[in-house]
Amino acid sequence: MTLTAVFQKFPEGYAAFVEELPGANTQGATLEEARVNLTEAAELILESNRFVSERSLAGQDVIREPFALPAL
């Protein structure tokens, strides 16, 4: 699955977000910095979501398995 990064130019640099991943947004002085920062923001959102999910399900009988989405 490929996600969509959106970059918007401002006088101070670039704002960036991932369309399919709410909360994954950042900024950078250059386009390259915004790209690097967006990768980190997306990783942190996914890590945080996993932590919250694992914590809310602690002690419950659940099944966890890999899940891959086909390309849209």
PDB file of N, CA and C in Angstrom:
ATOM      1  N   MET A   1       0.847  -1.180   0.000  1.00  0.00           N
ATOM      2  CA  MET A   1       0.000   0.000   0.000  1.00  0.00           C
ATOM      3  C   MET A   1       0.889   1.237   0.000  1.00  0.00           C
ATOM      4  N   THR A   2       0.537   2.169  -0.814  1.00  0.00           N
ATOM      5  CA  THR A   2       1.246   3.440  -0.884  1.00  0.00           C
ATOM      6  C   THR A   2       0.323   4.542  -0.395  1.00  0.00           C
ATOM      7  N   LEU A   3       0.839   5.396   0.485  1.00  0.00           N
ATOM      8  CA  LEU A   3       0.062   6.517   1.011  1.00  0.00           C
ATOM      9  C   LEU A   3       0.406   7.780   0.228  1.00  0.00           C
ATOM     10  N   THR A   4      -0.390   8.826   0.436  1.00  0.00           N
ATOM     11  CA  THR A   4      -0.200  10.071  -0.306  1.00  0.00           C
ATOM     12  C   THR A   4       0.307  11.178   0.603  1.00  0.00           C
ATOM     13  N   ALA A   5       1.499  11.669   0.309  1.00  0.00           N
ATOM     14  CA  ALA A   5       2.062  12.816   1.032  1.00  0.00           C
ATOM     15  C   ALA A   5       1.682  14.084   0.281  1.00  0.00           C
ATOM     16  N   VAL A   6       1.258  15.095   1.031  1.00  0.00           N
ATOM     17  CA  VAL A   6       0.893  16.380   0.444  1.00  0.00           C
ATOM     18  C   VAL A   6       1.815  17.439   1.038  1.00  0.00           C
ATOM     19  N   PHE A   7       2.415  18.258   0.165  1.00  0.00           N
ATOM     20  CA  PHE A   7       3.326  19.315   0.585  1.00  0.00           C
ATOM     21  C   PHE A   7       2.781  20.645   0.085  1.00  0.00           C
ATOM     22  N   GLN A   8       2.747  21.616   0.967  1.00  0.00           N
ATOM     23  CA  GLN A   8       2.270  22.951   0.595  1.00  0.00           C
ATOM     24  C   GLN A   8       3.357  23.965   0.905  1.00  0.00           C
ATOM     25  N   LYS A   9       3.713  24.757  -0.111  1.00  0.00           N
ATOM     26  CA  LYS A   9       4.782  25.749   0.030  1.00  0.00           C
ATOM     27  C   LYS A   9       4.254  27.009   0.694  1.00  0.00           C
ATOM     28  N   PHE A  10       5.007  27.495   1.662  1.00  0.00           N
ATOM     29  CA  PHE A  10       4.740  28.756   2.345  1.00  0.00           C
ATOM     30  C   PHE A  10       6.023  29.576   2.312  1.00  0.00           C
ATOM     31  N   PRO A  11       5.967  30.870   2.588  1.00  0.00           N
ATOM     32  CA  PRO A  11       7.200  31.671   2.609  1.00  0.00           C
ATOM     33  C   PRO A  11       8.253  31.119   3.578  1.00  0.00           C
ATOM     34  N   GLU A  12       7.811  30.526   4.681  1.00  0.00           N
ATOM     35  CA  GLU A  12       8.742  30.010   5.696  1.00  0.00           C
ATOM     36  C   GLU A  12       9.252  28.610   5.378  1.00  0.00           C
ATOM     37  N   GLY A  13       8.675  27.923   4.390  1.00  0.00           N
ATOM     38  CA  GLY A  13       9.078  26.557   4.077  1.00  0.00           C
ATOM     39  C   GLY A  13       7.902  25.753   3.568  1.00  0.00           C
ATOM     40  N   TYR A  14       7.785  24.510   4.053  1.00  0.00           N
ATOM     41  CA  TYR A  14       6.743  23.602   3.582  1.00  0.00           C
ATOM     42  C   TYR A  14       5.965  23.010   4.760  1.00  0.00           C
ATOM     43  N   ALA A  15       4.660  22.892   4.588  1.00  0.00           N
ATOM     44  CA  ALA A  15       3.813  22.119   5.492  1.00  0.00           C
ATOM     45  C   ALA A  15       3.545  20.795   4.787  1.00  0.00           C
ATOM     46  N   ALA A  16       3.392  19.731   5.548  1.00  0.00           N
ATOM     47  CA  ALA A  16       3.194  18.425   4.941  1.00  0.00           C
ATOM     48  C   ALA A  16       2.267  17.567   5.793  1.00  0.00           C
ATOM     49  N   PHE A  17       1.506  16.706   5.112  1.00  0.00           N
ATOM     50  CA  PHE A  17       0.666  15.748   5.812  1.00  0.00           C
ATOM     51  C   PHE A  17       0.437  14.527   4.939  1.00  0.00           C
ATOM     52  N   VAL A  18      -0.013  13.443   5.566  1.00  0.00           N
ATOM     53  CA  VAL A  18      -0.368  12.223   4.848  1.00  0.00           C
ATOM     54  C   VAL A  18      -1.890  12.172   4.781  1.00  0.00           C
ATOM     55  N   GLU A  19      -2.435  12.160   3.564  1.00  0.00           N
ATOM     56  CA  GLU A  19      -3.888  12.208   3.387  1.00  0.00           C
ATOM     57  C   GLU A  19      -4.609  11.088   4.133  1.00  0.00           C
ATOM     58  N   GLU A  20      -4.067   9.883   4.087  1.00  0.00           N
ATOM     59  CA  GLU A  20      -4.747   8.715   4.639  1.00  0.00           C
ATOM     60  C   GLU A  20      -4.443   8.446   6.110  1.00  0.00           C
ATOM     61  N   LEU A  21      -3.643   9.283   6.735  1.00  0.00           N
ATOM     62  CA  LEU A  21      -3.220   9.026   8.110  1.00  0.00           C
ATOM     63  C   LEU A  21      -3.409  10.277   8.964  1.00  0.00           C
ATOM     64  N   PRO A  22      -4.621  10.479   9.483  1.00  0.00           N
ATOM     65  CA  PRO A  22      -4.877  11.667  10.300  1.00  0.00           C
ATOM     66  C   PRO A  22      -3.859  11.806  11.434  1.00  0.00           C
ATOM     67  N   GLY A  23      -3.392  13.006  11.626  1.00  0.00           N
ATOM     68  CA  GLY A  23      -2.421  13.285  12.682  1.00  0.00           C
ATOM     69  C   GLY A  23      -0.988  13.277  12.204  1.00  0.00           C
ATOM     70  N   ALA A  24      -0.738  12.706  11.026  1.00  0.00           N
ATOM     71  CA  ALA A  24       0.622  12.680  10.481  1.00  0.00           C
ATOM     72  C   ALA A  24       0.829  13.961   9.689  1.00  0.00           C
ATOM     73  N   ASN A  25       1.305  14.986  10.368  1.00  0.00           N
ATOM     74  CA  ASN A  25       1.570  16.267   9.716  1.00  0.00           C
ATOM     75  C   ASN A  25       2.796  16.907  10.344  1.00  0.00           C
ATOM     76  N   THR A  26       3.432  17.773   9.570  1.00  0.00           N
ATOM     77  CA  THR A  26       4.682  18.382  10.018  1.00  0.00           C
ATOM     78  C   THR A  26       5.002  19.580   9.134  1.00  0.00           C
ATOM     79  N   GLN A  27       6.213  20.062   9.274  1.00  0.00           N
ATOM     80  CA  GLN A  27       6.690  21.161   8.439  1.00  0.00           C
ATOM     81  C   GLN A  27       8.201  21.052   8.309  1.00  0.00           C
ATOM     82  N   GLY A  28       8.760  21.830   7.395  1.00  0.00           N
ATOM     83  CA  GLY A  28      10.205  21.866   7.222  1.00  0.00           C
ATOM     84  C   GLY A  28      10.605  23.110   6.465  1.00  0.00           C
ATOM     85  N   ALA A  29      11.818  23.553   6.689  1.00  0.00           N
ATOM     86  CA  ALA A  29      12.324  24.742   6.001  1.00  0.00           C
ATOM     87  C   ALA A  29      12.515  24.466   4.512  1.00  0.00           C
ATOM     88  N   THR A  30      12.830  23.210   4.177  1.00  0.00           N
ATOM     89  CA  THR A  30      13.000  22.803   2.780  1.00  0.00           C
ATOM     90  C   THR A  30      12.076  21.625   2.495  1.00  0.00           C
ATOM     91  N   LEU A  31      11.872  21.328   1.225  1.00  0.00           N
ATOM     92  CA  LEU A  31      11.045  20.182   0.850  1.00  0.00           C
ATOM     93  C   LEU A  31      11.645  18.892   1.386  1.00  0.00           C
ATOM     94  N   GLU A  32      12.956  18.747   1.282  1.00  0.00           N
ATOM     95  CA  GLU A  32      13.612  17.538   1.787  1.00  0.00           C
ATOM     96  C   GLU A  32      13.438  17.401   3.297  1.00  0.00           C
ATOM     97  N   GLU A  33      13.578  18.492   4.039  1.00  0.00           N
ATOM     98  CA  GLU A  33      13.377  18.443   5.485  1.00  0.00           C
ATOM     99  C   GLU A  33      11.938  18.064   5.804  1.00  0.00           C
ATOM    100  N   ALA A  34      10.998  18.598   5.071  1.00  0.00           N
ATOM    101  CA  ALA A  34       9.587  18.253   5.287  1.00  0.00           C
ATOM    102  C   ALA A  34       9.352  16.775   5.010  1.00  0.00           C
ATOM    103  N   ARG A  35       9.991  16.229   3.984  1.00  0.00           N
ATOM    104  CA  ARG A  35       9.853  14.792   3.680  1.00  0.00           C
ATOM    105  C   ARG A  35      10.389  13.930   4.818  1.00  0.00           C
ATOM    106  N   VAL A  36      11.564  14.277   5.308  1.00  0.00           N
ATOM    107  CA  VAL A  36      12.167  13.525   6.418  1.00  0.00           C
ATOM    108  C   VAL A  36      11.270  13.622   7.658  1.00  0.00           C
ATOM    109  N   ASN A  37      10.818  14.829   7.960  1.00  0.00           N
ATOM    110  CA  ASN A  37       9.961  15.032   9.129  1.00  0.00           C
ATOM    111  C   ASN A  37       8.637  14.290   8.986  1.00  0.00           C
ATOM    112  N   LEU A  38       8.103  14.220   7.764  1.00  0.00           N
ATOM    113  CA  LEU A  38       6.831  13.531   7.556  1.00  0.00           C
ATOM    114  C   LEU A  38       6.974  12.031   7.757  1.00  0.00           C
ATOM    115  N   THR A  39       8.084  11.478   7.327  1.00  0.00           N
ATOM    116  CA  THR A  39       8.337  10.055   7.576  1.00  0.00           C
ATOM    117  C   THR A  39       8.339   9.782   9.068  1.00  0.00           C
ATOM    118  N   GLU A  40       9.025  10.620   9.819  1.00  0.00           N
ATOM    119  CA  GLU A  40       9.073  10.456  11.277  1.00  0.00           C
ATOM    120  C   GLU A  40       7.687  10.628  11.892  1.00  0.00           C
ATOM    121  N   ALA A  41       6.935  11.610  11.434  1.00  0.00           N
ATOM    122  CA  ALA A  41       5.589  11.847  11.973  1.00  0.00           C
ATOM    123  C   ALA A  41       4.689  10.644  11.724  1.00  0.00           C
ATOM    124  N   ALA A  42       4.745  10.067  10.527  1.00  0.00           N
ATOM    125  CA  ALA A  42       3.926   8.895  10.213  1.00  0.00           C
ATOM    126  C   ALA A  42       4.321   7.704  11.085  1.00  0.00           C
ATOM    127  N   GLU A  43       5.618   7.485  11.251  1.00  0.00           N
ATOM    128  CA  GLU A  43       6.092   6.398  12.108  1.00  0.00           C
ATOM    129  C   GLU A  43       5.612   6.582  13.544  1.00  0.00           C
ATOM    130  N   LEU A  44       5.682   7.817  14.047  1.00  0.00           N
ATOM    131  CA  LEU A  44       5.252   8.090  15.423  1.00  0.00           C
ATOM    132  C   LEU A  44       3.746   7.894  15.596  1.00  0.00           C
ATOM    133  N   ILE A  45       2.955   8.282  14.613  1.00  0.00           N
ATOM    134  CA  ILE A  45       1.503   8.085  14.688  1.00  0.00           C
ATOM    135  C   ILE A  45       1.182   6.596  14.741  1.00  0.00           C
ATOM    136  N   LEU A  46       1.811   5.815  13.870  1.00  0.00           N
ATOM    137  CA  LEU A  46       1.559   4.370  13.860  1.00  0.00           C
ATOM    138  C   LEU A  46       2.013   3.717  15.170  1.00  0.00           C
ATOM    139  N   GLU A  47       3.161   4.117  15.662  1.00  0.00           N
ATOM    140  CA  GLU A  47       3.676   3.588  16.932  1.00  0.00           C
ATOM    141  C   GLU A  47       2.739   3.945  18.085  1.00  0.00           C
ATOM    142  N   SER A  48       2.286   5.172  18.108  1.00  0.00           N
ATOM    143  CA  SER A  48       1.376   5.626  19.159  1.00  0.00           C
ATOM    144  C   SER A  48       0.040   4.883  19.091  1.00  0.00           C
ATOM    145  N   ASN A  49      -0.493   4.730  17.887  1.00  0.00           N
ATOM    146  CA  ASN A  49      -1.757   4.006  17.739  1.00  0.00           C
ATOM    147  C   ASN A  49      -1.626   2.561  18.210  1.00  0.00           C
ATOM    148  N   ARG A  50      -0.499   1.931  17.880  1.00  0.00           N
ATOM    149  CA  ARG A  50      -0.281   0.555  18.322  1.00  0.00           C
ATOM    150  C   ARG A  50      -0.208   0.493  19.850  1.00  0.00           C
ATOM    151  N   PHE A  51       0.499   1.422  20.459  1.00  0.00           N
ATOM    152  CA  PHE A  51       0.622   1.456  21.919  1.00  0.00           C
ATOM    153  C   PHE A  51      -0.742   1.613  22.581  1.00  0.00           C
ATOM    154  N   VAL A  52      -1.538   2.545  22.089  1.00  0.00           N
ATOM    155  CA  VAL A  52      -2.875   2.782  22.659  1.00  0.00           C
ATOM    156  C   VAL A  52      -3.739   1.537  22.507  1.00  0.00           C
ATOM    157  N   SER A  53      -3.690   0.911  21.349  1.00  0.00           N
ATOM    158  CA  SER A  53      -4.477  -0.299  21.108  1.00  0.00           C
ATOM    159  C   SER A  53      -4.043  -1.434  22.028  1.00  0.00           C
ATOM    160  N   GLU A  54      -2.740  -1.671  22.118  1.00  0.00           N
ATOM    161  CA  GLU A  54      -2.237  -2.749  22.974  1.00  0.00           C
ATOM    162  C   GLU A  54      -2.608  -2.510  24.427  1.00  0.00           C
ATOM    163  N   ARG A  55      -2.516  -1.277  24.845  1.00  0.00           N
ATOM    164  CA  ARG A  55      -2.851  -0.938  26.239  1.00  0.00           C
ATOM    165  C   ARG A  55      -4.342  -1.153  26.517  1.00  0.00           C
ATOM    166  N   SER A  56      -5.194  -0.756  25.582  1.00  0.00           N
ATOM    167  CA  SER A  56      -6.638  -0.889  25.802  1.00  0.00           C
ATOM    168  C   SER A  56      -7.087  -2.345  25.748  1.00  0.00           C
ATOM    169  N   LEU A  57      -6.309  -3.203  25.093  1.00  0.00           N
ATOM    170  CA  LEU A  57      -6.670  -4.613  24.973  1.00  0.00           C
ATOM    171  C   LEU A  57      -5.902  -5.517  25.935  1.00  0.00           C
ATOM    172  N   ALA A  58      -5.066  -4.944  26.779  1.00  0.00           N
ATOM    173  CA  ALA A  58      -4.240  -5.737  27.700  1.00  0.00           C
ATOM    174  C   ALA A  58      -5.117  -6.660  28.535  1.00  0.00           C
ATOM    175  N   GLY A  59      -4.708  -7.919  28.588  1.00  0.00           N
ATOM    176  CA  GLY A  59      -5.418  -8.898  29.400  1.00  0.00           C
ATOM    177  C   GLY A  59      -6.632  -9.511  28.722  1.00  0.00           C
ATOM    178  N   GLN A  60      -6.979  -9.041  27.548  1.00  0.00           N
ATOM    179  CA  GLN A  60      -8.127  -9.591  26.833  1.00  0.00           C
ATOM    180  C   GLN A  60      -7.679 -10.671  25.854  1.00  0.00           C
ATOM    181  N   ASP A  61      -8.585 -11.576  25.549  1.00  0.00           N
ATOM    182  CA  ASP A  61      -8.302 -12.653  24.610  1.00  0.00           C
ATOM    183  C   ASP A  61      -8.527 -12.135  23.197  1.00  0.00           C
ATOM    184  N   VAL A  62      -7.443 -11.818  22.508  1.00  0.00           N
ATOM    185  CA  VAL A  62      -7.530 -11.283  21.152  1.00  0.00           C
ATOM    186  C   VAL A  62      -6.595 -12.070  20.232  1.00  0.00           C
ATOM    187  N   ILE A  63      -6.820 -11.955  18.948  1.00  0.00           N
ATOM    188  CA  ILE A  63      -5.940 -12.545  17.942  1.00  0.00           C
ATOM    189  C   ILE A  63      -5.282 -11.395  17.188  1.00  0.00           C
ATOM    190  N   ARG A  64      -3.982 -11.442  17.109  1.00  0.00           N
ATOM    191  CA  ARG A  64      -3.230 -10.443  16.329  1.00  0.00           C
ATOM    192  C   ARG A  64      -2.564 -11.159  15.169  1.00  0.00           C
ATOM    193  N   GLU A  65      -2.647 -10.581  13.988  1.00  0.00           N
ATOM    194  CA  GLU A  65      -2.004 -11.173  12.819  1.00  0.00           C
ATOM    195  C   GLU A  65      -1.625 -10.070  11.835  1.00  0.00           C
ATOM    196  N   PRO A  66      -0.655 -10.327  10.971  1.00  0.00           N
ATOM    197  CA  PRO A  66      -0.289  -9.331   9.966  1.00  0.00           C
ATOM    198  C   PRO A  66      -1.479  -9.021   9.062  1.00  0.00           C
ATOM    199  N   PHE A  67      -1.541  -7.791   8.605  1.00  0.00           N
ATOM    200  CA  PHE A  67      -2.634  -7.328   7.769  1.00  0.00           C
ATOM    201  C   PHE A  67      -2.065  -6.423   6.697  1.00  0.00           C
ATOM    202  N   ALA A  68      -2.213  -6.818   5.448  1.00  0.00           N
ATOM    203  CA  ALA A  68      -1.702  -6.014   4.337  1.00  0.00           C
ATOM    204  C   ALA A  68      -2.873  -5.579   3.465  1.00  0.00           C
ATOM    205  N   LEU A  69      -2.866  -4.321   3.086  1.00  0.00           N
ATOM    206  CA  LEU A  69      -3.904  -3.806   2.201  1.00  0.00           C
ATOM    207  C   LEU A  69      -3.399  -3.869   0.759  1.00  0.00           C
ATOM    208  N   PRO A  70      -4.252  -4.314  -0.146  1.00  0.00           N
ATOM    209  CA  PRO A  70      -3.846  -4.275  -1.553  1.00  0.00           C
ATOM    210  C   PRO A  70      -3.833  -2.826  -2.039  1.00  0.00           C
ATOM    211  N   ALA A  71      -3.119  -2.587  -3.099  1.00  0.00           N
ATOM    212  CA  ALA A  71      -3.079  -1.250  -3.676  1.00  0.00           C
ATOM    213  C   ALA A  71      -4.478  -0.833  -4.104  1.00  0.00           C
ATOM    214  N   LEU A  72      -4.797   0.435  -3.889  1.00  0.00           N
ATOM    215  CA  LEU A  72      -6.114   0.926  -4.264  1.00  0.00           C
ATOM    216  C   LEU A  72      -6.150   1.354  -5.708  1.00  0.00           C
TER     217      LEU A  72
END
